[in-house]
Amino acid sequence: MVRAKTICISHKEDADGIGSAALIRQAFGGETRLVDYPGLMSELEQLRNDESLKTVFICDLGLSKTNQDQFVDLLRDLKKKRISVFYIDHHDMEEGIRKKIHALKVKLIHTTDECTTVQVYKAFKSKLNDHSSFIAACAAVTDYMEDRPLGSKLLQRFDRQFILFEATSLTFTIVSHQKDSEYLLYLVEELSEL
């Protein structure tokens, strides 16, 4: 069987997770799975036996002491099957876990200096359209990271009041539809096509 499937697992509860998923979809296509923090491990467990999986992106899903070792074990299982794994995040990470992830040759894109969507934008800018900077700017605002180096540059491209309004509207839409997974996936699709 030829491995061809691309999946992005991203945080479903805020504009940073939804924005990250939208930019990954725009750049690479594929399927999106939206989860909350506790849902990450079960989602990765399901992927472990997916014979068609070629690439997985994990976005805006920070680790905790209770799941970080299991996370590394699941990444190890995916890498043993020659699945390309990208882990993109902005939450604090223990140095020991960072080293273990690097040792697995997972493509780790991580800094606490920018939100995840801004990091996705920076890493894959050449594959994204011009409107992707708008999504990244909205995510920076809603994660209170609009004063960071790249976040502030992205924000300067737009009228500040417009971005604040759009970011607030996006956040309201996401929060008010937390129990409607289909709508959140629709939102990712629509944002990826801006």
C-alpha atoms as a PDB file:
ATOM      1  CA  MET A   1       0.000   0.000   0.000  1.00  0.00           C
ATOM      2  CA  VAL A   2       1.242   3.454  -0.902  1.00  0.00           C
ATOM      3  CA  ARG A   3       1.320   5.914   1.964  1.00  0.00           C
ATOM      4  CA  ALA A   4      -0.245   9.169   0.790  1.00  0.00           C
ATOM      5  CA  LYS A   5      -2.479  10.526   3.544  1.00  0.00           C
ATOM      6  CA  THR A   6      -1.704  13.807   5.317  1.00  0.00           C
ATOM      7  CA  ILE A   7      -3.410  14.578   8.622  1.00  0.00           C
ATOM      8  CA  CYS A   8      -3.256  17.659  10.808  1.00  0.00           C
ATOM      9  CA  ILE A   9      -4.233  17.266  14.461  1.00  0.00           C
ATOM     10  CA  SER A  10      -4.820  20.683  15.970  1.00  0.00           C
ATOM     11  CA  HIS A  11      -6.320  22.369  19.016  1.00  0.00           C
ATOM     12  CA  LYS A  12     -10.031  23.034  18.587  1.00  0.00           C
ATOM     13  CA  GLU A  13     -10.645  25.566  21.333  1.00  0.00           C
ATOM     14  CA  ASP A  14      -9.133  28.795  20.000  1.00  0.00           C
ATOM     15  CA  ALA A  15      -8.121  30.782  16.943  1.00  0.00           C
ATOM     16  CA  ASP A  16      -4.497  29.649  17.204  1.00  0.00           C
ATOM     17  CA  GLY A  17      -5.401  25.977  16.842  1.00  0.00           C
ATOM     18  CA  ILE A  18      -8.029  26.577  14.156  1.00  0.00           C
ATOM     19  CA  GLY A  19      -5.717  29.003  12.317  1.00  0.00           C
ATOM     20  CA  SER A  20      -2.827  26.529  12.423  1.00  0.00           C
ATOM     21  CA  ALA A  21      -5.031  23.798  10.973  1.00  0.00           C
ATOM     22  CA  ALA A  22      -6.254  26.148   8.223  1.00  0.00           C
ATOM     23  CA  LEU A  23      -2.721  27.118   7.176  1.00  0.00           C
ATOM     24  CA  ILE A  24      -1.537  23.489   7.196  1.00  0.00           C
ATOM     25  CA  ARG A  25      -4.535  22.570   5.040  1.00  0.00           C
ATOM     26  CA  GLN A  26      -3.774  25.438   2.666  1.00  0.00           C
ATOM     27  CA  ALA A  27      -0.117  24.429   2.350  1.00  0.00           C
ATOM     28  CA  PHE A  28      -0.417  20.632   2.293  1.00  0.00           C
ATOM     29  CA  GLY A  29      -4.067  19.665   1.861  1.00  0.00           C
ATOM     30  CA  GLY A  30      -5.132  16.551   3.688  1.00  0.00           C
ATOM     31  CA  GLU A  31      -7.466  15.837   6.531  1.00  0.00           C
ATOM     32  CA  THR A  32      -7.996  17.829   9.721  1.00  0.00           C
ATOM     33  CA  ARG A  33      -8.713  16.416  13.162  1.00  0.00           C
ATOM     34  CA  LEU A  34      -9.579  18.905  15.888  1.00  0.00           C
ATOM     35  CA  VAL A  35      -9.131  17.914  19.525  1.00  0.00           C
ATOM     36  CA  ASP A  36      -8.850  19.399  22.979  1.00  0.00           C
ATOM     37  CA  TYR A  37      -5.754  18.749  25.084  1.00  0.00           C
ATOM     38  CA  PRO A  38      -7.040  15.488  26.630  1.00  0.00           C
ATOM     39  CA  GLY A  39      -8.024  14.192  23.164  1.00  0.00           C
ATOM     40  CA  LEU A  40      -4.513  14.301  21.683  1.00  0.00           C
ATOM     41  CA  MET A  41      -3.317  10.909  22.896  1.00  0.00           C
ATOM     42  CA  SER A  42      -6.387   8.967  21.746  1.00  0.00           C
ATOM     43  CA  GLU A  43      -6.157  10.648  18.330  1.00  0.00           C
ATOM     44  CA  LEU A  44      -2.491   9.646  18.000  1.00  0.00           C
ATOM     45  CA  GLU A  45      -3.347   6.111  19.167  1.00  0.00           C
ATOM     46  CA  GLN A  46      -5.820   5.828  16.286  1.00  0.00           C
ATOM     47  CA  LEU A  47      -3.200   6.959  13.779  1.00  0.00           C
ATOM     48  CA  ARG A  48      -0.663   4.403  14.952  1.00  0.00           C
ATOM     49  CA  ASN A  49      -2.235   1.684  12.789  1.00  0.00           C
ATOM     50  CA  ASP A  50      -3.193   3.807   9.773  1.00  0.00           C
ATOM     51  CA  GLU A  51      -1.322   2.122   6.904  1.00  0.00           C
ATOM     52  CA  SER A  52      -2.078   4.960   4.452  1.00  0.00           C
ATOM     53  CA  LEU A  53      -0.641   7.733   6.650  1.00  0.00           C
ATOM     54  CA  LYS A  54       2.372   9.520   5.167  1.00  0.00           C
ATOM     55  CA  THR A  55       2.559  12.811   7.102  1.00  0.00           C
ATOM     56  CA  VAL A  56       1.116  14.069  10.368  1.00  0.00           C
ATOM     57  CA  PHE A  57       1.172  17.642  11.669  1.00  0.00           C
ATOM     58  CA  ILE A  58       0.459  18.219  15.370  1.00  0.00           C
ATOM     59  CA  CYS A  59      -0.320  21.866  16.092  1.00  0.00           C
ATOM     60  CA  ASP A  60      -0.970  23.989  19.184  1.00  0.00           C
ATOM     61  CA  LEU A  61      -1.312  21.025  21.522  1.00  0.00           C
ATOM     62  CA  GLY A  62       1.003  21.553  24.461  1.00  0.00           C
ATOM     63  CA  LEU A  63       2.244  18.691  26.587  1.00  0.00           C
ATOM     64  CA  SER A  64       2.005  18.124  30.315  1.00  0.00           C
ATOM     65  CA  LYS A  65       3.913  15.943  32.746  1.00  0.00           C
ATOM     66  CA  THR A  66       1.053  13.441  32.597  1.00  0.00           C
ATOM     67  CA  ASN A  67       1.175  12.893  28.819  1.00  0.00           C
ATOM     68  CA  GLN A  68       4.640  13.885  27.575  1.00  0.00           C
ATOM     69  CA  ASP A  69       6.220  10.413  27.863  1.00  0.00           C
ATOM     70  CA  GLN A  70       3.250   8.739  26.173  1.00  0.00           C
ATOM     71  CA  PHE A  71       3.437  11.408  23.454  1.00  0.00           C
ATOM     72  CA  VAL A  72       7.103  10.590  22.778  1.00  0.00           C
ATOM     73  CA  ASP A  73       6.271   6.856  22.676  1.00  0.00           C
ATOM     74  CA  LEU A  74       3.495   7.447  20.136  1.00  0.00           C
ATOM     75  CA  LEU A  75       5.780   9.610  17.996  1.00  0.00           C
ATOM     76  CA  ARG A  76       8.382   6.820  18.130  1.00  0.00           C
ATOM     77  CA  ASP A  77       5.776   4.338  16.853  1.00  0.00           C
ATOM     78  CA  LEU A  78       4.838   6.655  13.977  1.00  0.00           C
ATOM     79  CA  LYS A  79       8.474   7.258  13.026  1.00  0.00           C
ATOM     80  CA  LYS A  80       9.191   3.486  13.029  1.00  0.00           C
ATOM     81  CA  LYS A  81       6.591   3.256  10.265  1.00  0.00           C
ATOM     82  CA  ARG A  82       8.439   5.957   8.308  1.00  0.00           C
ATOM     83  CA  ILE A  83       5.702   8.521   8.832  1.00  0.00           C
ATOM     84  CA  SER A  84       6.851  12.116   8.589  1.00  0.00           C
ATOM     85  CA  VAL A  85       5.914  13.959  11.795  1.00  0.00           C
ATOM     86  CA  PHE A  86       5.822  17.721  12.386  1.00  0.00           C
ATOM     87  CA  TYR A  87       5.188  19.030  15.898  1.00  0.00           C
ATOM     88  CA  ILE A  88       4.505  22.772  15.947  1.00  0.00           C
ATOM     89  CA  ASP A  89       3.735  24.453  19.253  1.00  0.00           C
ATOM     90  CA  HIS A  90       4.333  27.462  21.505  1.00  0.00           C
ATOM     91  CA  HIS A  91       3.660  26.046  24.977  1.00  0.00           C
ATOM     92  CA  ASP A  92       6.420  25.425  27.501  1.00  0.00           C
ATOM     93  CA  MET A  93       8.316  22.192  26.945  1.00  0.00           C
ATOM     94  CA  GLU A  94      10.803  20.426  29.175  1.00  0.00           C
ATOM     95  CA  GLU A  95      14.302  20.318  27.687  1.00  0.00           C
ATOM     96  CA  GLY A  96      14.480  16.540  28.173  1.00  0.00           C
ATOM     97  CA  ILE A  97      11.312  16.047  26.121  1.00  0.00           C
ATOM     98  CA  ARG A  98      12.614  18.403  23.439  1.00  0.00           C
ATOM     99  CA  LYS A  99      15.780  16.280  23.165  1.00  0.00           C
ATOM    100  CA  LYS A 100      13.781  13.052  22.928  1.00  0.00           C
ATOM    101  CA  ILE A 101      11.608  14.517  20.166  1.00  0.00           C
ATOM    102  CA  HIS A 102      14.702  15.710  18.270  1.00  0.00           C
ATOM    103  CA  ALA A 103      16.321  12.279  18.674  1.00  0.00           C
ATOM    104  CA  LEU A 104      13.323  10.743  16.882  1.00  0.00           C
ATOM    105  CA  LYS A 105      13.957  13.081  13.937  1.00  0.00           C
ATOM    106  CA  VAL A 106      10.533  14.650  14.340  1.00  0.00           C
ATOM    107  CA  LYS A 107      10.427  18.050  12.651  1.00  0.00           C
ATOM    108  CA  LEU A 108      10.007  20.183  15.759  1.00  0.00           C
ATOM    109  CA  ILE A 109       9.037  23.813  15.251  1.00  0.00           C
ATOM    110  CA  HIS A 110       8.815  25.282  18.717  1.00  0.00           C
ATOM    111  CA  THR A 111       9.268  28.611  20.409  1.00  0.00           C
ATOM    112  CA  THR A 112       7.391  30.293  23.219  1.00  0.00           C
ATOM    113  CA  ASP A 113       8.039  33.617  21.454  1.00  0.00           C
ATOM    114  CA  GLU A 114       5.266  33.307  18.830  1.00  0.00           C
ATOM    115  CA  CYS A 115       1.876  31.610  18.683  1.00  0.00           C
ATOM    116  CA  THR A 116       1.607  28.379  16.721  1.00  0.00           C
ATOM    117  CA  THR A 117      -0.171  29.875  13.697  1.00  0.00           C
ATOM    118  CA  VAL A 118       2.583  32.471  13.305  1.00  0.00           C
ATOM    119  CA  GLN A 119       5.165  29.678  13.461  1.00  0.00           C
ATOM    120  CA  VAL A 120       3.256  27.712  10.791  1.00  0.00           C
ATOM    121  CA  TYR A 121       3.084  30.869   8.675  1.00  0.00           C
ATOM    122  CA  LYS A 122       6.825  31.469   9.017  1.00  0.00           C
ATOM    123  CA  ALA A 123       7.791  27.847   8.296  1.00  0.00           C
ATOM    124  CA  PHE A 124       5.580  27.357   5.239  1.00  0.00           C
ATOM    125  CA  LYS A 125       5.142  30.898   3.912  1.00  0.00           C
ATOM    126  CA  SER A 126       6.259  29.879   0.421  1.00  0.00           C
ATOM    127  CA  LYS A 127       3.331  27.435   0.197  1.00  0.00           C
ATOM    128  CA  LEU A 128       0.715  29.881   1.511  1.00  0.00           C
ATOM    129  CA  ASN A 129      -1.313  32.604  -0.168  1.00  0.00           C
ATOM    130  CA  ASP A 130      -1.254  36.288   0.778  1.00  0.00           C
ATOM    131  CA  HIS A 131      -4.327  36.023   3.021  1.00  0.00           C
ATOM    132  CA  SER A 132      -2.600  33.575   5.360  1.00  0.00           C
ATOM    133  CA  SER A 133      -0.841  36.470   7.085  1.00  0.00           C
ATOM    134  CA  PHE A 134      -4.283  37.749   8.134  1.00  0.00           C
ATOM    135  CA  ILE A 135      -5.116  34.436   9.819  1.00  0.00           C
ATOM    136  CA  ALA A 136      -1.728  34.429  11.560  1.00  0.00           C
ATOM    137  CA  ALA A 137      -2.251  38.009  12.779  1.00  0.00           C
ATOM    138  CA  CYS A 138      -5.688  37.128  14.194  1.00  0.00           C
ATOM    139  CA  ALA A 139      -4.210  34.127  16.022  1.00  0.00           C
ATOM    140  CA  ALA A 140      -1.424  36.271  17.467  1.00  0.00           C
ATOM    141  CA  VAL A 141      -3.990  38.727  18.827  1.00  0.00           C
ATOM    142  CA  THR A 142      -6.215  36.075  20.383  1.00  0.00           C
ATOM    143  CA  ASP A 143      -3.250  34.332  22.036  1.00  0.00           C
ATOM    144  CA  TYR A 144      -2.034  37.684  23.429  1.00  0.00           C
ATOM    145  CA  MET A 145       1.149  37.428  21.361  1.00  0.00           C
ATOM    146  CA  GLU A 146       0.663  40.359  18.994  1.00  0.00           C
ATOM    147  CA  ASP A 147       3.637  42.157  20.566  1.00  0.00           C
ATOM    148  CA  ARG A 148       6.092  39.385  19.636  1.00  0.00           C
ATOM    149  CA  PRO A 149       8.643  39.926  16.842  1.00  0.00           C
ATOM    150  CA  LEU A 150       6.839  38.329  13.888  1.00  0.00           C
ATOM    151  CA  GLY A 151       3.340  38.719  15.332  1.00  0.00           C
ATOM    152  CA  SER A 152       3.790  42.484  15.572  1.00  0.00           C
ATOM    153  CA  LYS A 153       5.109  42.668  11.988  1.00  0.00           C
ATOM    154  CA  LEU A 154       2.096  40.755  10.722  1.00  0.00           C
ATOM    155  CA  LEU A 155      -0.255  42.993  12.672  1.00  0.00           C
ATOM    156  CA  GLN A 156       1.274  46.104  11.081  1.00  0.00           C
ATOM    157  CA  ARG A 157       0.062  44.950   7.655  1.00  0.00           C
ATOM    158  CA  PHE A 158      -3.536  45.549   8.669  1.00  0.00           C
ATOM    159  CA  ASP A 159      -5.672  48.172  10.325  1.00  0.00           C
ATOM    160  CA  ARG A 160      -5.402  47.382  14.036  1.00  0.00           C
ATOM    161  CA  GLN A 161      -9.101  47.913  14.776  1.00  0.00           C
ATOM    162  CA  PHE A 162     -10.058  45.654  11.876  1.00  0.00           C
ATOM    163  CA  ILE A 163      -7.790  42.844  13.113  1.00  0.00           C
ATOM    164  CA  LEU A 164      -9.050  43.208  16.687  1.00  0.00           C
ATOM    165  CA  PHE A 165     -12.652  43.003  15.486  1.00  0.00           C
ATOM    166  CA  GLU A 166     -12.022  40.039  13.175  1.00  0.00           C
ATOM    167  CA  ALA A 167      -9.969  38.170  15.786  1.00  0.00           C
ATOM    168  CA  THR A 168     -12.709  38.694  18.381  1.00  0.00           C
ATOM    169  CA  SER A 169     -15.401  37.557  15.935  1.00  0.00           C
ATOM    170  CA  LEU A 170     -13.375  34.473  15.028  1.00  0.00           C
ATOM    171  CA  THR A 171     -12.863  33.610  18.690  1.00  0.00           C
ATOM    172  CA  PHE A 172     -16.571  34.046  19.440  1.00  0.00           C
ATOM    173  CA  THR A 173     -17.443  31.784  16.513  1.00  0.00           C
ATOM    174  CA  ILE A 174     -15.010  29.085  17.663  1.00  0.00           C
ATOM    175  CA  VAL A 175     -16.036  29.186  21.318  1.00  0.00           C
ATOM    176  CA  SER A 176     -19.757  29.196  20.539  1.00  0.00           C
ATOM    177  CA  HIS A 177     -19.379  26.098  18.327  1.00  0.00           C
ATOM    178  CA  GLN A 178     -17.191  23.925  20.583  1.00  0.00           C
ATOM    179  CA  LYS A 179     -19.746  21.114  20.591  1.00  0.00           C
ATOM    180  CA  ASP A 180     -20.210  21.262  16.809  1.00  0.00           C
ATOM    181  CA  SER A 181     -17.159  19.518  15.349  1.00  0.00           C
ATOM    182  CA  GLU A 182     -18.533  19.624  11.814  1.00  0.00           C
ATOM    183  CA  TYR A 183     -18.837  23.398  11.966  1.00  0.00           C
ATOM    184  CA  LEU A 184     -15.284  23.780  13.284  1.00  0.00           C
ATOM    185  CA  LEU A 185     -13.977  21.612  10.420  1.00  0.00           C
ATOM    186  CA  TYR A 186     -16.014  23.734   7.997  1.00  0.00           C
ATOM    187  CA  LEU A 187     -14.393  26.833   9.519  1.00  0.00           C
ATOM    188  CA  VAL A 188     -10.908  25.358   8.973  1.00  0.00           C
ATOM    189  CA  GLU A 189     -11.809  24.618   5.361  1.00  0.00           C
ATOM    190  CA  GLU A 190     -13.190  28.113   4.742  1.00  0.00           C
ATOM    191  CA  LEU A 191     -10.180  29.820   6.334  1.00  0.00           C
ATOM    192  CA  SER A 192      -7.832  27.671   4.264  1.00  0.00           C
ATOM    193  CA  GLU A 193      -9.524  28.941   1.108  1.00  0.00           C
ATOM    194  CA  LEU A 194      -9.374  32.678   1.901  1.00  0.00           C
END
